Amino acid sequence: HPEIDARELGLEWAGIGGSALSQAMLARIESDLGAEGGQGWGVTETSPICVVGRLLPKHASLSTEDQQKIKLNQGRGVCGVELK
């Protein structure tokens, strides 16, 4: 949006779906929006999200590069989803 820099959105996390999250998009979410970025994956027949790539508290001590690798990964299964 052309006015994104003029707005205070108060976002903590911005999720991306529909295609893979690129490193450039992740960097822009985190720098321009001040939010943690991540991605979720699912299919029409599911609840719509099966897995989500998001940091856990234990990841706080990792380097920025290692944290980005986790965020760019497909992620972990969400509660109640059985993965095979």
Protein backbone atom coordinates (compact mmCIF):
# COMPACT_ATOMS: atom_id res chain seq x y z
CA HIS A 1 0.00 0.00 0.00
CA PRO A 2 1.39 3.46 -0.88
CA GLU A 3 0.75 4.86 2.62
CA ILE A 4 2.17 1.93 4.59
CA ASP A 5 5.01 4.04 6.00
CA ALA A 6 2.54 6.64 7.30
CA ARG A 7 0.52 4.12 9.32
CA GLU A 8 1.11 2.52 12.70
CA LEU A 9 -0.36 -0.93 12.25
CA GLY A 10 0.63 -2.39 15.61
CA LEU A 11 1.38 -5.77 14.04
CA GLU A 12 3.27 -8.41 16.00
CA TRP A 13 3.19 -11.18 13.39
CA ALA A 14 2.44 -11.20 9.67
CA GLY A 15 1.62 -14.56 8.11
CA ILE A 16 2.02 -15.35 4.43
CA GLY A 17 0.15 -18.11 2.59
CA GLY A 18 -0.52 -19.18 -0.96
CA SER A 19 3.14 -19.34 -1.97
CA ALA A 20 6.56 -19.64 -0.38
CA LEU A 21 7.78 -16.71 1.69
CA SER A 22 10.90 -15.24 0.08
CA GLN A 23 13.83 -13.90 2.06
CA ALA A 24 13.23 -10.45 0.51
CA MET A 25 9.57 -10.42 1.59
CA LEU A 26 10.50 -11.60 5.09
CA ALA A 27 13.08 -8.81 5.38
CA ARG A 28 10.53 -6.22 4.23
CA ILE A 29 7.88 -7.43 6.68
CA GLU A 30 10.34 -7.22 9.54
CA SER A 31 11.94 -3.89 8.57
CA ASP A 32 8.96 -1.96 7.16
CA LEU A 33 6.19 -3.32 9.36
CA GLY A 34 8.22 -4.05 12.50
CA ALA A 35 6.52 -7.44 12.74
CA GLU A 36 7.82 -10.99 12.86
CA GLY A 37 7.11 -12.76 9.57
CA GLY A 38 6.34 -16.40 8.88
CA GLN A 39 4.43 -18.68 6.56
CA GLY A 40 1.68 -21.23 6.84
CA TRP A 41 0.80 -24.14 4.59
CA GLY A 42 -2.41 -26.04 4.11
CA VAL A 43 -4.78 -27.37 1.48
CA THR A 44 -8.43 -26.75 0.76
CA GLU A 45 -9.45 -29.97 2.51
CA THR A 46 -7.81 -28.97 5.80
CA SER A 47 -8.66 -26.48 8.46
CA PRO A 48 -7.00 -24.24 6.33
CA ILE A 49 -3.52 -24.30 7.92
CA CYS A 50 -1.60 -27.51 8.66
CA VAL A 51 1.88 -26.18 9.39
CA VAL A 52 3.29 -22.80 10.34
CA GLY A 53 6.86 -21.49 10.36
CA ARG A 54 7.16 -19.42 13.51
CA LEU A 55 9.84 -18.97 16.14
CA LEU A 56 9.57 -20.55 19.57
CA PRO A 57 10.97 -18.94 22.73
CA LYS A 58 13.97 -21.28 22.54
CA HIS A 59 14.95 -19.68 19.22
CA ALA A 60 15.45 -16.20 20.73
CA SER A 61 19.18 -16.74 21.24
CA LEU A 62 19.82 -17.80 17.62
CA SER A 63 21.46 -15.47 15.12
CA THR A 64 19.23 -13.46 12.78
CA GLU A 65 20.33 -15.70 9.90
CA ASP A 66 19.39 -18.89 11.79
CA GLN A 67 16.04 -17.36 12.81
CA GLN A 68 15.33 -16.51 9.16
CA LYS A 69 16.02 -20.12 8.15
CA ILE A 70 13.31 -21.26 10.58
CA LYS A 71 10.84 -18.64 9.35
CA LEU A 72 11.47 -19.55 5.70
CA ASN A 73 10.95 -23.27 6.41
CA GLN A 74 7.53 -24.86 5.93
CA GLY A 75 7.23 -25.07 9.71
CA ARG A 76 5.76 -27.34 12.38
CA GLY A 77 2.34 -28.93 12.49
CA VAL A 78 -0.31 -26.91 14.27
CA CYS A 79 -2.17 -28.29 17.27
CA GLY A 80 -4.62 -31.02 16.33
CA VAL A 81 -3.06 -31.82 12.93
CA GLU A 82 -1.58 -35.26 12.29
CA LEU A 83 1.24 -35.14 9.74
CA LYS A 84 2.44 -38.18 7.82
